[in-house]
């Protein structure tokens, strides 16, 4: 068996390192290109980021009636009462559902007293 020269070994090592680097770079590019919040990649679930929520849902303007934190898939937005805010549509939808359920809860709680919530929350007997 012939011994390899130092130059031959160095050339082979460089070739192996280049292949490994190409593989790592390709995997990173694929992972970033495939990145979808909630998707499982190599056994790890991709978490949501604020950028994901902002990118995936159209922006809308709302005027919250109360200060309340709204969370979607672990990403939290702080809504501030009486301040016009631009948020992703999913945050607005969650806020509106929260308000609807709160009104329904108020109606249910007040109904034994023969008091009903009407329209925008005005109370009547």
C-alpha atoms as a PDB file:
ATOM      1  CA  UNK A   1       0.000   0.000   0.000  1.00  0.00           C
ATOM      2  CA  UNK A   2       1.403   3.378  -1.022  1.00  0.00           C
ATOM      3  CA  UNK A   3       1.577   6.127   1.523  1.00  0.00           C
ATOM      4  CA  UNK A   4      -0.309   9.297   0.762  1.00  0.00           C
ATOM      5  CA  UNK A   5       1.544  12.513   0.601  1.00  0.00           C
ATOM      6  CA  UNK A   6       0.726  15.342   2.903  1.00  0.00           C
ATOM      7  CA  UNK A   7      -0.659  17.322  -0.061  1.00  0.00           C
ATOM      8  CA  UNK A   8      -2.997  14.457  -1.019  1.00  0.00           C
ATOM      9  CA  UNK A   9      -4.276  14.122   2.546  1.00  0.00           C
ATOM     10  CA  UNK A  10      -4.790  17.891   2.796  1.00  0.00           C
ATOM     11  CA  UNK A  11      -6.676  17.946  -0.518  1.00  0.00           C
ATOM     12  CA  UNK A  12      -8.945  15.068   0.610  1.00  0.00           C
ATOM     13  CA  UNK A  13      -9.587  16.774   3.952  1.00  0.00           C
ATOM     14  CA  UNK A  14     -10.502  20.044   2.228  1.00  0.00           C
ATOM     15  CA  UNK A  15     -12.894  18.195  -0.050  1.00  0.00           C
ATOM     16  CA  UNK A  16     -14.583  16.489   2.918  1.00  0.00           C
ATOM     17  CA  UNK A  17     -14.869  19.776   4.826  1.00  0.00           C
ATOM     18  CA  UNK A  18     -16.383  21.522   1.787  1.00  0.00           C
ATOM     19  CA  UNK A  19     -18.962  18.746   1.386  1.00  0.00           C
ATOM     20  CA  UNK A  20     -19.865  18.977   5.073  1.00  0.00           C
ATOM     21  CA  UNK A  21     -20.176  22.763   4.898  1.00  0.00           C
ATOM     22  CA  UNK A  22     -22.337  22.524   1.778  1.00  0.00           C
ATOM     23  CA  UNK A  23     -24.597  20.033   3.569  1.00  0.00           C
ATOM     24  CA  UNK A  24     -24.923  22.264   6.659  1.00  0.00           C
ATOM     25  CA  UNK A  25     -25.631  25.384   4.587  1.00  0.00           C
ATOM     26  CA  UNK A  26     -28.169  23.502   2.461  1.00  0.00           C
ATOM     27  CA  UNK A  27     -29.934  22.183   5.593  1.00  0.00           C
ATOM     28  CA  UNK A  28     -30.087  25.697   7.075  1.00  0.00           C
ATOM     29  CA  UNK A  29     -31.520  27.114   3.842  1.00  0.00           C
ATOM     30  CA  UNK A  30     -34.115  24.313   3.640  1.00  0.00           C
ATOM     31  CA  UNK A  31     -35.072  24.777   7.288  1.00  0.00           C
ATOM     32  CA  UNK A  32     -35.483  28.540   6.863  1.00  0.00           C
ATOM     33  CA  UNK A  33     -37.400  28.136   3.614  1.00  0.00           C
ATOM     34  CA  UNK A  34     -39.655  25.451   5.120  1.00  0.00           C
ATOM     35  CA  UNK A  35     -40.144  27.298   8.389  1.00  0.00           C
ATOM     36  CA  UNK A  36     -43.817  27.263   9.147  1.00  0.00           C
ATOM     37  CA  UNK A  37     -44.980  28.000  12.669  1.00  0.00           C
ATOM     38  CA  UNK A  38     -46.298  24.886  14.371  1.00  0.00           C
ATOM     39  CA  UNK A  39     -44.614  22.563  11.859  1.00  0.00           C
ATOM     40  CA  UNK A  40     -42.470  19.729  13.207  1.00  0.00           C
ATOM     41  CA  UNK A  41     -38.954  19.776  11.740  1.00  0.00           C
ATOM     42  CA  UNK A  42     -36.589  16.984  12.765  1.00  0.00           C
ATOM     43  CA  UNK A  43     -38.761  16.149  15.750  1.00  0.00           C
ATOM     44  CA  UNK A  44     -38.947  19.715  17.067  1.00  0.00           C
ATOM     45  CA  UNK A  45     -42.116  21.779  16.791  1.00  0.00           C
ATOM     46  CA  UNK A  46     -41.471  25.226  15.353  1.00  0.00           C
ATOM     47  CA  UNK A  47     -42.683  27.885  17.776  1.00  0.00           C
ATOM     48  CA  UNK A  48     -44.585  30.983  16.697  1.00  0.00           C
ATOM     49  CA  UNK A  49     -42.899  34.378  16.748  1.00  0.00           C
ATOM     50  CA  UNK A  50     -44.393  37.851  16.585  1.00  0.00           C
ATOM     51  CA  UNK A  51     -42.953  38.142  13.072  1.00  0.00           C
ATOM     52  CA  UNK A  52     -44.847  34.997  12.032  1.00  0.00           C
ATOM     53  CA  UNK A  53     -48.155  36.370  13.285  1.00  0.00           C
ATOM     54  CA  UNK A  54     -47.510  39.777  11.679  1.00  0.00           C
ATOM     55  CA  UNK A  55     -46.535  38.105   8.382  1.00  0.00           C
ATOM     56  CA  UNK A  56     -49.338  35.540   8.162  1.00  0.00           C
ATOM     57  CA  UNK A  57     -52.315  37.749   9.077  1.00  0.00           C
ATOM     58  CA  UNK A  58     -53.303  41.061   7.483  1.00  0.00           C
ATOM     59  CA  UNK A  59     -53.025  44.169   9.641  1.00  0.00           C
ATOM     60  CA  UNK A  60     -56.180  45.864  10.872  1.00  0.00           C
ATOM     61  CA  UNK A  61     -56.862  48.944  12.976  1.00  0.00           C
ATOM     62  CA  UNK A  62     -58.896  48.606  16.170  1.00  0.00           C
ATOM     63  CA  UNK A  63     -59.892  50.826  19.073  1.00  0.00           C
ATOM     64  CA  UNK A  64     -60.062  48.547  22.149  1.00  0.00           C
ATOM     65  CA  UNK A  65     -62.598  49.419  24.826  1.00  0.00           C
ATOM     66  CA  UNK A  66     -60.413  48.021  27.584  1.00  0.00           C
ATOM     67  CA  UNK A  67     -56.782  47.226  28.281  1.00  0.00           C
ATOM     68  CA  UNK A  68     -56.249  43.502  27.902  1.00  0.00           C
ATOM     69  CA  UNK A  69     -53.459  41.152  26.770  1.00  0.00           C
ATOM     70  CA  UNK A  70     -54.406  38.944  23.807  1.00  0.00           C
ATOM     71  CA  UNK A  71     -52.339  35.835  23.054  1.00  0.00           C
ATOM     72  CA  UNK A  72     -52.252  33.743  19.883  1.00  0.00           C
ATOM     73  CA  UNK A  73     -50.104  30.580  19.896  1.00  0.00           C
ATOM     74  CA  UNK A  74     -47.888  31.955  22.642  1.00  0.00           C
ATOM     75  CA  UNK A  75     -47.397  35.380  21.040  1.00  0.00           C
ATOM     76  CA  UNK A  76     -48.877  38.152  23.176  1.00  0.00           C
ATOM     77  CA  UNK A  77     -50.147  41.572  22.127  1.00  0.00           C
ATOM     78  CA  UNK A  78     -51.124  44.190  24.705  1.00  0.00           C
ATOM     79  CA  UNK A  79     -54.249  46.070  23.711  1.00  0.00           C
ATOM     80  CA  UNK A  80     -54.658  49.445  25.401  1.00  0.00           C
ATOM     81  CA  UNK A  81     -58.055  51.005  26.049  1.00  0.00           C
ATOM     82  CA  UNK A  82     -59.083  53.957  23.893  1.00  0.00           C
ATOM     83  CA  UNK A  83     -55.876  53.865  21.845  1.00  0.00           C
ATOM     84  CA  UNK A  84     -56.113  53.165  18.131  1.00  0.00           C
ATOM     85  CA  UNK A  85     -53.848  50.195  17.391  1.00  0.00           C
ATOM     86  CA  UNK A  86     -52.725  48.298  14.297  1.00  0.00           C
ATOM     87  CA  UNK A  87     -52.647  44.563  14.987  1.00  0.00           C
ATOM     88  CA  UNK A  88     -52.885  41.321  12.979  1.00  0.00           C
ATOM     89  CA  UNK A  89     -56.477  40.401  12.140  1.00  0.00           C
ATOM     90  CA  UNK A  90     -56.324  37.264  14.310  1.00  0.00           C
ATOM     91  CA  UNK A  91     -55.660  39.415  17.384  1.00  0.00           C
ATOM     92  CA  UNK A  92     -58.682  41.592  16.549  1.00  0.00           C
ATOM     93  CA  UNK A  93     -60.811  38.480  16.042  1.00  0.00           C
ATOM     94  CA  UNK A  94     -59.760  37.008  19.395  1.00  0.00           C
ATOM     95  CA  UNK A  95     -60.426  40.347  21.109  1.00  0.00           C
ATOM     96  CA  UNK A  96     -63.908  40.610  19.561  1.00  0.00           C
ATOM     97  CA  UNK A  97     -64.711  37.032  20.611  1.00  0.00           C
ATOM     98  CA  UNK A  98     -63.475  37.820  24.131  1.00  0.00           C
ATOM     99  CA  UNK A  99     -65.767  40.882  24.268  1.00  0.00           C
ATOM    100  CA  UNK A 100     -68.739  38.891  22.904  1.00  0.00           C
ATOM    101  CA  UNK A 101     -68.279  36.157  25.491  1.00  0.00           C
ATOM    102  CA  UNK A 102     -67.923  38.714  28.247  1.00  0.00           C
ATOM    103  CA  UNK A 103     -71.218  40.353  27.234  1.00  0.00           C
ATOM    104  CA  UNK A 104     -72.911  36.960  27.150  1.00  0.00           C
ATOM    105  CA  UNK A 105     -71.473  36.143  30.566  1.00  0.00           C
ATOM    106  CA  UNK A 106     -72.789  39.442  31.921  1.00  0.00           C
ATOM    107  CA  UNK A 107     -76.230  38.733  30.489  1.00  0.00           C
ATOM    108  CA  UNK A 108     -76.286  35.275  32.042  1.00  0.00           C
ATOM    109  CA  UNK A 109     -75.144  36.595  35.417  1.00  0.00           C
ATOM    110  CA  UNK A 110     -77.746  39.403  35.444  1.00  0.00           C
ATOM    111  CA  UNK A 111     -80.713  37.442  34.071  1.00  0.00           C
ATOM    112  CA  UNK A 112     -81.844  36.085  37.484  1.00  0.00           C
ATOM    113  CA  UNK A 113     -82.151  39.716  38.604  1.00  0.00           C
ATOM    114  CA  UNK A 114     -84.451  40.466  35.638  1.00  0.00           C
ATOM    115  CA  UNK A 115     -81.792  42.836  34.246  1.00  0.00           C
ATOM    116  CA  UNK A 116     -80.739  42.429  30.601  1.00  0.00           C
ATOM    117  CA  UNK A 117     -77.818  43.788  28.636  1.00  0.00           C
ATOM    118  CA  UNK A 118     -79.047  45.593  25.542  1.00  0.00           C
ATOM    119  CA  UNK A 119     -77.106  46.879  22.521  1.00  0.00           C
ATOM    120  CA  UNK A 120     -73.769  48.368  23.521  1.00  0.00           C
ATOM    121  CA  UNK A 121     -73.994  47.278  27.128  1.00  0.00           C
ATOM    122  CA  UNK A 122     -76.707  49.657  28.368  1.00  0.00           C
ATOM    123  CA  UNK A 123     -78.658  48.123  31.255  1.00  0.00           C
ATOM    124  CA  UNK A 124     -82.443  48.012  31.338  1.00  0.00           C
ATOM    125  CA  UNK A 125     -84.892  46.447  33.750  1.00  0.00           C
END
